[in-house]
Amino acid sequence: MYVKEVLPLKLLKNLRLIFTKVLLEPPDVCGVRCVSSATKYSRTEINNVRAPFVFSPLILLYFLTPYRRGRMRMPALRPKIVFGSLPLQNSHASSHSARKLSVLHNGRVVAGSMLNPVKRPVFLGSHSENIVESAFAGGSNVLETESLQSACFARNYSSDSFKRTIFSGIQPTGVLHLGNYFGAIRKWVELQEAGENVIYCIVDLHSITLPQDHKALHSQIISMAASLIACGIDPSKAILFQQSKVSEHSELNWVLGCLTTMARLGHLPQFKEKSDKLKEIPLGLYVYPVLQAADILLYRATHVPVGDDQRQHIQLAAHLARVFNNRFGQTFISPRTMVYDDSTSRIRSLRQPTKKMSKSEVDERSRIEITDSPESIREKFKKAVTDFKSEVYYDIEQRPGVSNIMSIHSAVTGKSYSEIADECKGIESAKYKLMVADAVIEYLRPIRTTYEDIVNDKGYIDEILEKGSTRARVIAQKTWQEVKQKVGLSR
C-alpha cells in the first residue's frame, strides 16, 4: 500500500514541511518495492534516483504502526535496512543523494527478500552506492534482490559478523552412501573449492536423539570423518569438527529453547514422521530442531545447504534469529536455505525407488556405500527394483526404478538423461544395471582407497577433529559471549 493511500495528500504535504524544517537535509533514502528474490535486473537498468522529502512522513508512519505483521517489539538496535514500497518523484541526481539502484519502467526502485517480503520502508543510509556496488561484487552483470539484502547487512553491521558463511552438519551414521554423497557431500566439496567460508560439523549430539549403540558411536564418528575427508573435504580449506567438543552449541540451544513454543515444534514434519513409529517419544526428538538452529546461528551462518525435508527447520532457525533480535537487539542474521533441486541430489532406494536412499532402511541392498567392494556393488545393482519394460528412458513418475538408476548414472558420468537414453538404445534394463554398476565402481575407487588408508589411523582423525573444534570454538565463544551479555547472563 502506498503512502498516498494511507494519509490524505494535504496531511502528507504538511508533514513533509515539518520534517524538512527539522532536518538539515532530506533523508538520504530510497523506496523499495518487494518482489520475488528470483527477479533479476541488468546493470543497464541502473539509474541515479532520489526520493526527495516524500519519504519523511513515511518515517513517522513507520514508527506509529505495529512492527511487521503483528504487535512485536521494535528491536533495540533497528537495522538500517527494512524492505518496503514507496512511490518515487521524478528521478534526478544531486551531489549528496544520487544513488545507483535498480529502477523499473514505472519508476519504482526494486529490491526484495525471499524470506521477508513485508512491505516496509528502506533505510539505505549514506552508503547506498557502496552497498549496491558490493552486491555486484564478482563482476556479475546481474543484481539479485537477495544480494542487495546481504550486502546491506554486511555494510550496516560489521563484515566480520555477517560475512557470507556456509554451515552444514551430518550425523555420524558410519559410512556415507550414494544418497549422502550426491545429495550433500559433493556440493560441500564444490563450495569449499569455490573459496567459500565453509563450516562442516559432525553432529553427534543430534545422533543420540534416538537410541544408539553407545559402544559403536565413537567409531561411527571416526568413520564419518574419514568418509568426509576421502570424499574431498579438506580440513585446511574448511572447518571440520565434532559438535560435542564445542559446548556453546548446548548453551545457545537452551537460550533459543526458551524463545520457541511447543506448538511451533510440534508442527515440524520430521517430528511427526519419526514419532509415529515410536511408542515413547524422547524429548530430544521433539526439541532437536532448536539445537539445529543453535548450530547455525552460533556461527552466524548466512546460508545452509540442506535437503528439501529440512527446509522448515532452517525456517525455524530464521524465525528464532528474528525473535532474538527483536527482544535483545540485532545479533543474528536470518539464514537462507541452499536447496538443490536436481535429480542427482535425490538418489532413491534401490529396493524401494519411491523412497530416498537411507541408512535406516533394514535391507542393506537398498543402498550403495562408498566403501562397498566391486562385487557388493554389482550384486546390489542386480537386485535393484525396476519394471518389466526393457527400454531405458527417464520417467520418474511411471518408471521410478529405472529413472533412479539413470540418476545415479548421470551423477557419476555427468551425462544428461537424453544422452544416456540414446547411448543405451536396444540395451535391456538388466544389462543396463550392470553397466551403471561398473561406472559407479570406477567413480568410487579413489574414494574407497583414500578411506581405507586413513580410517585406521585414529590418531590422525582425532587430530583433525581437535584442530577443527579449536577453530570452531573461537567463533562460537565470541557469539556466545555477545548472547550472554544481551540476555543478561553476564556484563
Protein backbone atom coordinates (compact mmCIF):
# COMPACT_ATOMS: atom_id res chain seq x y z
CA MET A 1 0.00 0.00 0.00
CA TYR A 2 1.43 3.37 -0.93
CA VAL A 3 1.66 6.41 1.30
CA LYS A 4 -0.96 8.36 -0.68
CA GLU A 5 -3.48 5.61 0.01
CA VAL A 6 -2.79 5.76 3.76
CA LEU A 7 -2.70 9.52 4.54
CA PRO A 8 -4.54 12.42 2.85
CA LEU A 9 -2.41 14.34 0.41
CA LYS A 10 -2.76 17.58 2.37
CA LEU A 11 -1.55 15.93 5.56
CA LEU A 12 1.37 14.49 3.67
CA LYS A 13 2.37 17.95 2.47
CA ASN A 14 2.17 19.36 5.99
CA LEU A 15 4.22 16.54 7.44
CA ARG A 16 6.75 16.99 4.68
CA LEU A 17 7.15 20.66 5.58
CA ILE A 18 7.58 19.82 9.26
CA PHE A 19 10.24 17.25 8.57
CA THR A 20 12.14 19.38 6.09
CA LYS A 21 12.25 22.23 8.61
CA VAL A 22 13.55 19.94 11.33
CA LEU A 23 16.06 18.03 9.28
CA LEU A 24 19.06 19.82 7.87
CA GLU A 25 18.81 17.89 4.62
CA PRO A 26 16.38 15.46 3.07
CA PRO A 27 16.75 11.88 4.24
CA ASP A 28 19.19 10.00 2.09
CA VAL A 29 16.92 7.06 1.37
CA CYS A 30 15.12 5.38 -1.47
CA GLY A 31 11.86 3.43 -1.54
CA VAL A 32 11.91 -0.23 -2.37
CA ARG A 33 9.13 -2.43 -3.66
CA CYS A 34 9.34 -6.06 -2.58
CA VAL A 35 9.44 -8.67 -5.31
CA SER A 36 10.49 -12.31 -5.57
CA SER A 37 14.16 -12.96 -4.96
CA ALA A 38 14.21 -14.81 -8.26
CA THR A 39 13.79 -11.46 -10.09
CA LYS A 40 16.96 -10.06 -11.59
CA TYR A 41 17.79 -6.72 -13.13
CA SER A 42 20.62 -5.97 -15.52
CA ARG A 43 23.21 -3.27 -14.95
CA THR A 44 21.78 -1.30 -17.87
CA GLU A 45 18.65 -0.67 -15.77
CA ILE A 46 20.62 1.03 -13.01
CA ASN A 47 19.85 4.75 -12.78
CA ASN A 48 20.61 7.58 -10.43
CA VAL A 49 17.48 8.17 -8.40
CA ARG A 50 16.34 10.18 -5.46
CA ALA A 51 13.29 10.17 -3.21
CA PRO A 52 13.23 13.83 -2.03
CA PHE A 53 11.15 14.72 1.03
CA VAL A 54 8.29 12.37 0.17
CA PHE A 55 9.87 9.79 2.46
CA SER A 56 9.68 11.98 5.58
CA PRO A 57 6.04 11.26 6.55
CA LEU A 58 6.60 7.59 5.98
CA ILE A 59 9.21 7.62 8.75
CA LEU A 60 6.56 8.85 11.19
CA LEU A 61 4.04 6.34 9.87
CA TYR A 62 6.57 3.54 10.30
CA PHE A 63 7.13 4.25 13.99
CA LEU A 64 3.43 4.73 14.74
CA THR A 65 2.38 1.36 13.32
CA PRO A 66 2.94 -2.12 14.78
CA TYR A 67 6.23 -3.67 13.76
CA ARG A 68 5.85 -6.16 10.93
CA ARG A 69 2.57 -8.06 10.71
CA GLY A 70 1.89 -8.29 14.45
CA ARG A 71 2.46 -6.23 17.54
CA MET A 72 6.04 -7.29 18.06
CA ARG A 73 8.54 -5.18 19.97
CA MET A 74 10.80 -2.95 17.95
CA PRO A 75 14.42 -4.16 18.13
CA ALA A 76 16.63 -2.22 20.49
CA LEU A 77 19.02 -1.62 17.59
CA ARG A 78 16.99 -1.10 14.45
CA PRO A 79 18.67 -2.37 11.31
CA LYS A 80 19.20 0.27 8.67
CA ILE A 81 17.59 -1.94 6.09
CA VAL A 82 13.91 -2.73 6.03
CA PHE A 83 12.12 -3.73 2.86
CA GLY A 84 9.02 -1.87 1.66
CA SER A 85 7.30 0.11 -1.07
CA LEU A 86 7.17 3.82 -1.87
CA PRO A 87 6.37 5.91 -4.99
CA LEU A 88 9.31 7.97 -6.20
CA GLN A 89 9.28 11.50 -7.55
CA ASN A 90 10.81 12.33 -10.91
CA SER A 91 14.24 10.80 -10.93
CA HIS A 92 17.09 13.29 -10.80
CA ALA A 93 20.56 13.36 -9.34
CA SER A 94 22.20 15.55 -6.77
CA SER A 95 25.66 15.57 -5.22
CA HIS A 96 24.51 14.04 -1.94
CA SER A 97 21.66 11.70 -2.91
CA ALA A 98 22.46 10.24 -6.32
CA ARG A 99 22.39 6.51 -5.85
CA LYS A 100 22.78 3.52 -8.13
CA LEU A 101 19.74 1.30 -7.71
CA SER A 102 17.62 -0.86 -9.98
CA VAL A 103 14.62 1.03 -11.35
CA LEU A 104 11.61 -0.48 -13.03
CA HIS A 105 9.93 1.15 -16.02
CA ASN A 106 7.26 2.63 -13.73
CA GLY A 107 9.89 4.50 -11.73
CA ARG A 108 9.87 2.36 -8.59
CA VAL A 109 13.11 1.12 -7.10
CA VAL A 110 13.04 -2.64 -6.83
CA ALA A 111 14.63 -4.90 -4.27
CA GLY A 112 13.31 -7.59 -2.01
CA SER A 113 13.80 -10.61 0.13
CA MET A 114 12.58 -14.16 -0.32
CA LEU A 115 12.47 -14.62 3.46
CA ASN A 116 10.93 -11.29 4.38
CA PRO A 117 8.57 -9.98 1.66
CA VAL A 118 6.92 -7.46 4.00
CA LYS A 119 6.20 -4.00 2.61
CA ARG A 120 8.14 -1.54 4.72
CA PRO A 121 10.40 1.46 4.14
CA VAL A 122 14.07 1.06 3.32
CA PHE A 123 16.93 2.84 5.05
CA LEU A 124 19.99 2.59 2.86
CA GLY A 125 21.76 5.42 4.62
CA SER A 126 24.72 7.33 3.22
CA HIS A 127 26.46 4.25 1.88
CA SER A 128 23.85 3.17 -0.68
CA GLU A 129 26.24 3.32 -3.59
CA ASN A 130 28.82 1.19 -1.81
CA ILE A 131 26.13 -1.30 -0.79
CA VAL A 132 24.83 -1.78 -4.31
CA GLU A 133 28.34 -1.93 -5.73
CA SER A 134 29.18 -4.69 -3.24
CA ALA A 135 26.05 -6.55 -4.36
CA PHE A 136 27.60 -6.52 -7.84
CA ALA A 137 30.87 -7.88 -6.49
CA GLY A 138 32.43 -10.59 -8.58
CA GLY A 139 31.93 -8.90 -11.93
CA SER A 140 28.35 -10.08 -12.34
CA ASN A 141 26.20 -8.02 -14.69
CA VAL A 142 23.07 -9.00 -12.77
CA LEU A 143 21.78 -7.78 -9.43
CA GLU A 144 19.80 -10.36 -7.49
CA THR A 145 17.47 -8.84 -4.96
CA GLU A 146 18.68 -11.02 -2.07
CA SER A 147 22.26 -9.98 -2.90
CA LEU A 148 21.24 -6.41 -2.04
CA GLN A 149 19.92 -7.52 1.34
CA SER A 150 23.10 -9.46 2.13
CA ALA A 151 25.24 -6.50 1.08
CA CYS A 152 23.24 -4.11 3.25
CA PHE A 153 23.56 -6.29 6.33
CA ALA A 154 27.27 -6.66 5.68
CA ARG A 155 27.61 -2.87 5.42
CA ASN A 156 25.40 -1.82 8.31
CA TYR A 157 26.80 -4.43 10.68
CA SER A 158 30.41 -5.48 10.78
CA SER A 159 31.56 -7.54 7.83
CA ASP A 160 33.23 -9.93 10.25
CA SER A 161 29.91 -10.72 11.93
CA PHE A 162 27.81 -11.14 8.83
CA LYS A 163 30.14 -12.19 6.06
CA ARG A 164 28.83 -14.96 3.83
CA THR A 165 29.25 -18.15 5.84
CA ILE A 166 28.00 -21.60 4.89
CA PHE A 167 27.27 -24.12 7.63
CA SER A 168 26.06 -27.69 7.37
CA GLY A 169 26.13 -30.81 9.50
CA ILE A 170 25.79 -34.55 9.15
CA GLN A 171 25.00 -37.23 11.69
CA PRO A 172 27.68 -39.88 12.36
CA THR A 173 25.80 -42.84 10.93
CA GLY A 174 29.04 -44.58 9.97
CA VAL A 175 29.98 -44.68 6.30
CA LEU A 176 28.40 -42.45 3.66
CA HIS A 177 26.17 -43.88 0.93
CA LEU A 178 25.49 -42.52 -2.57
CA GLY A 179 22.46 -40.59 -1.35
CA ASN A 180 24.58 -38.73 1.22
CA TYR A 181 27.38 -38.15 -1.24
CA PHE A 182 25.43 -36.78 -4.21
CA GLY A 183 22.78 -35.10 -2.06
CA ALA A 184 25.18 -33.19 0.17
CA ILE A 185 28.88 -34.00 0.33
CA ARG A 186 29.74 -33.40 -3.32
CA LYS A 187 28.07 -29.98 -3.01
CA TRP A 188 30.10 -29.31 0.13
CA VAL A 189 33.30 -30.02 -1.76
CA GLU A 190 32.23 -27.72 -4.61
CA LEU A 191 31.55 -24.88 -2.15
CA GLN A 192 34.90 -25.49 -0.46
CA GLU A 193 36.79 -25.43 -3.76
CA ALA A 194 34.96 -22.26 -4.80
CA GLY A 195 36.68 -20.49 -1.91
CA GLU A 196 33.57 -20.10 0.26
CA ASN A 197 33.81 -19.68 4.03
CA VAL A 198 32.52 -23.14 4.97
CA ILE A 199 31.99 -24.87 8.32
CA TYR A 200 31.09 -28.58 8.39
CA CYS A 201 30.06 -30.34 11.57
CA ILE A 202 29.66 -33.97 12.59
CA VAL A 203 26.52 -33.54 14.71
CA ASP A 204 26.97 -36.32 17.24
CA LEU A 205 24.58 -34.70 19.74
CA HIS A 206 21.80 -34.99 17.17
CA SER A 207 22.53 -38.67 16.68
CA ILE A 208 21.55 -39.54 20.27
CA THR A 209 18.02 -38.14 19.94
CA LEU A 210 17.10 -41.74 19.08
CA PRO A 211 18.57 -44.84 20.77
CA GLN A 212 22.16 -45.55 19.71
CA ASP A 213 24.71 -48.26 20.34
CA HIS A 214 26.92 -46.24 22.66
CA LYS A 215 29.82 -48.66 22.20
CA ALA A 216 29.81 -48.08 18.43
CA LEU A 217 29.09 -44.33 18.39
CA HIS A 218 32.69 -43.13 18.66
CA SER A 219 33.87 -45.46 15.90
CA GLN A 220 31.00 -44.16 13.75
CA ILE A 221 32.22 -40.60 14.33
CA ILE A 222 35.71 -41.65 13.19
CA SER A 223 34.25 -43.43 10.14
CA MET A 224 32.19 -40.38 9.19
CA ALA A 225 35.19 -38.07 9.49
CA ALA A 226 37.28 -40.44 7.35
CA SER A 227 34.46 -40.63 4.80
CA LEU A 228 34.23 -36.84 4.52
CA ILE A 229 37.98 -36.48 4.06
CA ALA A 230 38.03 -39.29 1.49
CA CYS A 231 35.24 -37.58 -0.45
CA GLY A 232 37.26 -34.37 -0.73
CA ILE A 233 36.63 -32.27 2.38
CA ASP A 234 39.95 -30.53 3.06
CA PRO A 235 40.48 -29.52 6.73
CA SER A 236 42.84 -26.77 5.59
CA LYS A 237 40.12 -25.13 3.48
CA ALA A 238 37.06 -25.89 5.63
CA ILE A 239 36.42 -26.11 9.36
CA LEU A 240 35.59 -29.76 10.06
CA PHE A 241 34.77 -30.53 13.68
CA GLN A 242 32.78 -32.63 16.14
CA GLN A 243 29.73 -30.90 17.60
CA SER A 244 30.02 -32.16 21.19
CA LYS A 245 33.55 -30.74 21.51
CA VAL A 246 32.13 -27.18 21.36
CA SER A 247 29.94 -26.72 24.45
CA GLU A 248 28.49 -23.42 23.21
CA HIS A 249 26.12 -25.42 20.98
CA SER A 250 24.27 -26.74 24.02
CA GLU A 251 24.37 -23.40 25.83
CA LEU A 252 22.87 -21.43 22.95
CA ASN A 253 20.38 -24.25 22.47
CA TRP A 254 18.95 -23.54 25.94
CA VAL A 255 18.58 -19.80 25.28
CA LEU A 256 16.83 -20.41 21.95
CA GLY A 257 14.67 -23.12 23.50
CA CYS A 258 13.33 -20.50 25.91
CA LEU A 259 12.25 -18.39 22.93
CA THR A 260 10.31 -21.01 20.99
CA THR A 261 6.99 -22.72 21.69
CA MET A 262 5.77 -26.29 21.85
CA ALA A 263 3.18 -25.59 19.17
CA ARG A 264 5.87 -24.40 16.77
CA LEU A 265 7.96 -27.55 17.27
CA GLY A 266 5.02 -29.92 17.13
CA HIS A 267 4.14 -28.89 13.59
CA LEU A 268 7.52 -29.77 12.10
CA PRO A 269 7.14 -32.67 9.65
CA GLN A 270 10.20 -34.70 10.69
CA PHE A 271 8.96 -34.94 14.26
CA LYS A 272 5.59 -36.20 13.07
CA GLU A 273 7.19 -38.74 10.75
CA LYS A 274 9.62 -40.17 13.29
CA SER A 275 7.34 -40.04 16.32
CA ASP A 276 4.65 -42.10 14.53
CA LYS A 277 7.00 -45.10 14.69
CA LEU A 278 7.68 -44.81 18.42
CA LYS A 279 5.64 -45.84 21.43
CA GLU A 280 7.50 -43.46 23.73
CA ILE A 281 8.78 -40.21 22.21
CA PRO A 282 12.12 -38.92 23.56
CA LEU A 283 12.17 -35.22 24.43
CA GLY A 284 15.37 -34.87 22.39
CA LEU A 285 13.49 -35.80 19.21
CA TYR A 286 10.98 -33.05 19.93
CA VAL A 287 13.46 -30.25 20.61
CA TYR A 288 16.35 -31.17 18.31
CA PRO A 289 15.34 -28.53 15.69
CA VAL A 290 16.20 -25.91 18.32
CA LEU A 291 19.68 -27.43 18.68
CA GLN A 292 19.92 -27.37 14.90
CA ALA A 293 19.07 -23.65 14.98
CA ALA A 294 21.75 -23.13 17.63
CA ASP A 295 24.29 -24.92 15.42
CA ILE A 296 23.56 -22.50 12.59
CA LEU A 297 23.22 -19.23 14.50
CA LEU A 298 26.27 -19.86 16.67
CA TYR A 299 28.46 -19.33 13.59
CA ARG A 300 26.24 -16.56 12.17
CA ALA A 301 25.72 -18.69 9.07
CA THR A 302 24.11 -16.88 6.16
CA HIS A 303 23.45 -20.00 4.05
CA VAL A 304 22.70 -23.61 4.90
CA PRO A 305 22.77 -26.34 2.21
CA VAL A 306 20.03 -28.82 3.12
CA GLY A 307 17.65 -31.31 1.61
CA ASP A 308 14.09 -30.25 0.95
CA ASP A 309 12.90 -32.18 4.03
CA GLN A 310 14.98 -29.86 6.25
CA ARG A 311 13.70 -26.59 4.79
CA GLN A 312 11.24 -25.95 7.64
CA HIS A 313 13.96 -26.46 10.22
CA ILE A 314 16.02 -23.69 8.63
CA GLN A 315 12.91 -21.52 8.62
CA LEU A 316 12.68 -22.16 12.37
CA ALA A 317 16.29 -21.02 12.73
CA ALA A 318 15.47 -17.83 10.80
CA HIS A 319 12.39 -17.31 12.98
CA LEU A 320 14.41 -17.70 16.19
CA ALA A 321 17.02 -15.26 14.87
CA ARG A 322 14.31 -12.66 14.31
CA VAL A 323 12.70 -13.31 17.72
CA PHE A 324 16.07 -12.93 19.48
CA ASN A 325 16.90 -9.76 17.53
CA ASN A 326 13.52 -8.20 18.31
CA ARG A 327 13.86 -8.91 22.02
CA PHE A 328 17.54 -8.31 22.69
CA GLY A 329 18.86 -6.29 19.75
CA GLN A 330 20.46 -7.13 16.44
CA THR A 331 22.69 -10.18 16.91
CA PHE A 332 21.94 -12.79 14.24
CA ILE A 333 21.20 -12.71 10.55
CA SER A 334 18.38 -14.93 9.30
CA PRO A 335 19.99 -17.88 7.47
CA ARG A 336 18.87 -18.89 4.00
CA THR A 337 18.46 -22.40 2.67
CA MET A 338 20.52 -23.68 -0.24
CA VAL A 339 18.29 -26.42 -1.67
CA TYR A 340 19.46 -28.36 -4.71
CA ASP A 341 16.57 -29.46 -6.87
CA ASP A 342 18.40 -31.53 -9.47
CA SER A 343 17.51 -35.24 -9.53
CA THR A 344 21.07 -36.32 -8.69
CA SER A 345 20.55 -34.71 -5.26
CA ARG A 346 17.72 -37.13 -4.54
CA ILE A 347 19.15 -40.61 -5.04
CA ARG A 348 16.50 -43.16 -4.11
CA SER A 349 16.50 -46.61 -2.56
CA LEU A 350 17.44 -49.45 -4.90
CA ARG A 351 14.77 -51.63 -3.29
CA GLN A 352 12.01 -49.02 -2.81
CA PRO A 353 12.61 -46.39 -5.52
CA THR A 354 9.73 -44.23 -4.32
CA LYS A 355 11.71 -43.51 -1.10
CA LYS A 356 15.07 -41.84 -0.67
CA MET A 357 18.19 -43.90 -0.08
CA SER A 358 18.63 -44.16 3.67
CA LYS A 359 20.88 -45.77 6.25
CA SER A 360 17.83 -46.53 8.38
CA GLU A 361 16.37 -48.95 5.84
CA VAL A 362 16.77 -52.50 7.10
CA ASP A 363 17.62 -54.06 3.72
CA GLU A 364 21.31 -53.34 3.08
CA ARG A 365 20.77 -53.94 -0.65
CA SER A 366 18.80 -50.68 -0.77
CA ARG A 367 21.93 -48.50 -0.68
CA ILE A 368 25.43 -48.27 -2.15
CA GLU A 369 28.00 -47.28 0.45
CA ILE A 370 31.20 -45.57 -0.66
CA THR A 371 33.26 -48.39 0.87
CA ASP A 372 31.37 -51.26 -0.79
CA SER A 373 33.51 -53.74 -2.71
CA PRO A 374 33.04 -54.04 -6.51
CA GLU A 375 31.36 -57.41 -6.03
CA SER A 376 28.91 -55.97 -3.50
CA ILE A 377 28.04 -53.05 -5.78
CA ARG A 378 27.35 -55.34 -8.75
CA GLU A 379 25.17 -57.60 -6.60
CA LYS A 380 23.14 -54.68 -5.26
CA PHE A 381 22.52 -53.32 -8.75
CA LYS A 382 21.44 -56.76 -9.93
CA LYS A 383 18.80 -56.81 -7.19
CA ALA A 384 17.69 -53.22 -7.83
CA VAL A 385 13.95 -52.93 -8.44
CA THR A 386 12.98 -51.81 -11.96
CA ASP A 387 9.96 -52.87 -14.07
CA PHE A 388 9.02 -55.20 -16.92
CA LYS A 389 9.91 -52.81 -19.75
CA SER A 390 13.28 -53.29 -21.38
CA GLU A 391 13.76 -49.77 -22.79
CA VAL A 392 15.93 -47.28 -20.95
CA TYR A 393 14.36 -43.84 -20.59
CA TYR A 394 13.69 -41.37 -17.78
CA ASP A 395 10.18 -41.11 -16.30
CA ILE A 396 10.29 -40.70 -12.54
CA GLU A 397 6.51 -40.97 -12.13
CA GLN A 398 5.83 -44.07 -14.24
CA ARG A 399 9.25 -45.77 -14.02
CA PRO A 400 10.84 -44.77 -10.68
CA GLY A 401 13.23 -47.75 -10.57
CA VAL A 402 14.86 -47.25 -13.98
CA SER A 403 14.78 -43.46 -13.53
CA ASN A 404 16.63 -43.77 -10.21
CA ILE A 405 19.38 -45.85 -11.83
CA MET A 406 19.61 -43.29 -14.63
CA SER A 407 20.02 -40.55 -11.96
CA ILE A 408 22.95 -42.47 -10.48
CA HIS A 409 24.40 -42.99 -13.97
CA SER A 410 24.06 -39.28 -14.73
CA ALA A 411 25.67 -38.33 -11.40
CA VAL A 412 28.79 -40.47 -11.87
CA THR A 413 29.32 -39.73 -15.59
CA GLY A 414 27.96 -36.18 -15.99
CA LYS A 415 25.82 -37.25 -18.94
CA SER A 416 22.27 -36.00 -19.45
CA TYR A 417 19.28 -38.33 -19.47
CA SER A 418 18.80 -37.90 -23.21
CA GLU A 419 22.45 -38.79 -23.84
CA ILE A 420 22.11 -41.89 -21.66
CA ALA A 421 18.87 -42.92 -23.41
CA ASP A 422 20.50 -42.55 -26.85
CA GLU A 423 23.60 -44.44 -25.75
CA CYS A 424 21.56 -47.31 -24.28
CA LYS A 425 19.10 -47.89 -27.12
CA GLY A 426 18.50 -51.59 -27.58
CA ILE A 427 20.02 -52.46 -24.20
CA GLU A 428 17.77 -54.33 -21.77
CA SER A 429 17.38 -52.93 -18.28
CA ALA A 430 19.15 -55.96 -16.68
CA LYS A 431 22.26 -55.32 -18.77
CA TYR A 432 21.95 -51.59 -18.22
CA LYS A 433 22.05 -52.06 -14.43
CA LEU A 434 25.41 -53.86 -14.70
CA MET A 435 26.72 -51.05 -16.94
CA VAL A 436 25.82 -48.49 -14.27
CA ALA A 437 27.36 -50.72 -11.58
CA ASP A 438 30.71 -50.66 -13.40
CA ALA A 439 30.52 -46.86 -13.76
CA VAL A 440 29.85 -46.49 -10.02
CA ILE A 441 32.73 -48.84 -9.15
CA GLU A 442 35.18 -46.73 -11.13
CA TYR A 443 33.81 -43.48 -9.69
CA LEU A 444 34.12 -44.69 -6.09
CA ARG A 445 37.51 -46.39 -6.47
CA PRO A 446 39.71 -43.39 -5.42
CA ILE A 447 37.31 -42.51 -2.59
CA ARG A 448 37.36 -46.07 -1.26
CA THR A 449 41.15 -46.24 -1.49
CA THR A 450 41.63 -43.00 0.45
CA TYR A 451 39.12 -44.07 3.09
CA GLU A 452 40.90 -47.37 3.69
CA ASP A 453 44.23 -45.57 4.01
CA ILE A 454 43.12 -43.19 6.78
CA VAL A 455 40.25 -44.83 8.68
CA ASN A 456 42.53 -47.00 10.81
CA ASP A 457 44.78 -44.07 11.69
CA LYS A 458 42.58 -42.88 14.54
CA GLY A 459 45.26 -40.53 15.85
CA TYR A 460 45.23 -38.66 12.55
CA ILE A 461 41.41 -38.37 12.54
CA ASP A 462 41.33 -37.27 16.20
CA GLU A 463 43.93 -34.58 15.46
CA ILE A 464 41.90 -33.20 12.54
CA LEU A 465 38.70 -33.09 14.61
CA GLU A 466 40.50 -31.47 17.55
CA LYS A 467 42.04 -28.75 15.37
CA GLY A 468 38.69 -28.14 13.69
CA SER A 469 36.95 -27.92 17.06
CA THR A 470 39.52 -25.37 18.24
CA ARG A 471 38.87 -23.18 15.19
CA ALA A 472 35.11 -23.54 15.61
CA ARG A 473 35.31 -22.74 19.31
CA VAL A 474 36.94 -19.37 18.64
CA ILE A 475 33.92 -18.31 16.57
CA ALA A 476 31.40 -19.90 18.91
CA GLN A 477 32.80 -18.28 22.06
CA LYS A 478 32.65 -14.82 20.51
CA THR A 479 28.98 -15.28 19.59
CA TRP A 480 28.09 -16.83 22.94
CA GLN A 481 29.70 -14.00 24.91
CA GLU A 482 27.63 -11.47 22.98
CA VAL A 483 24.47 -13.53 23.56
CA LYS A 484 25.15 -13.80 27.30
CA GLN A 485 25.62 -10.03 27.59
CA LYS A 486 22.44 -9.23 25.71
CA VAL A 487 20.34 -11.78 27.57
CA GLY A 488 21.70 -10.55 30.89
CA LEU A 489 23.73 -13.59 31.92
CA SER A 490 26.94 -11.56 32.12
CA ARG A 491 28.17 -7.98 31.94
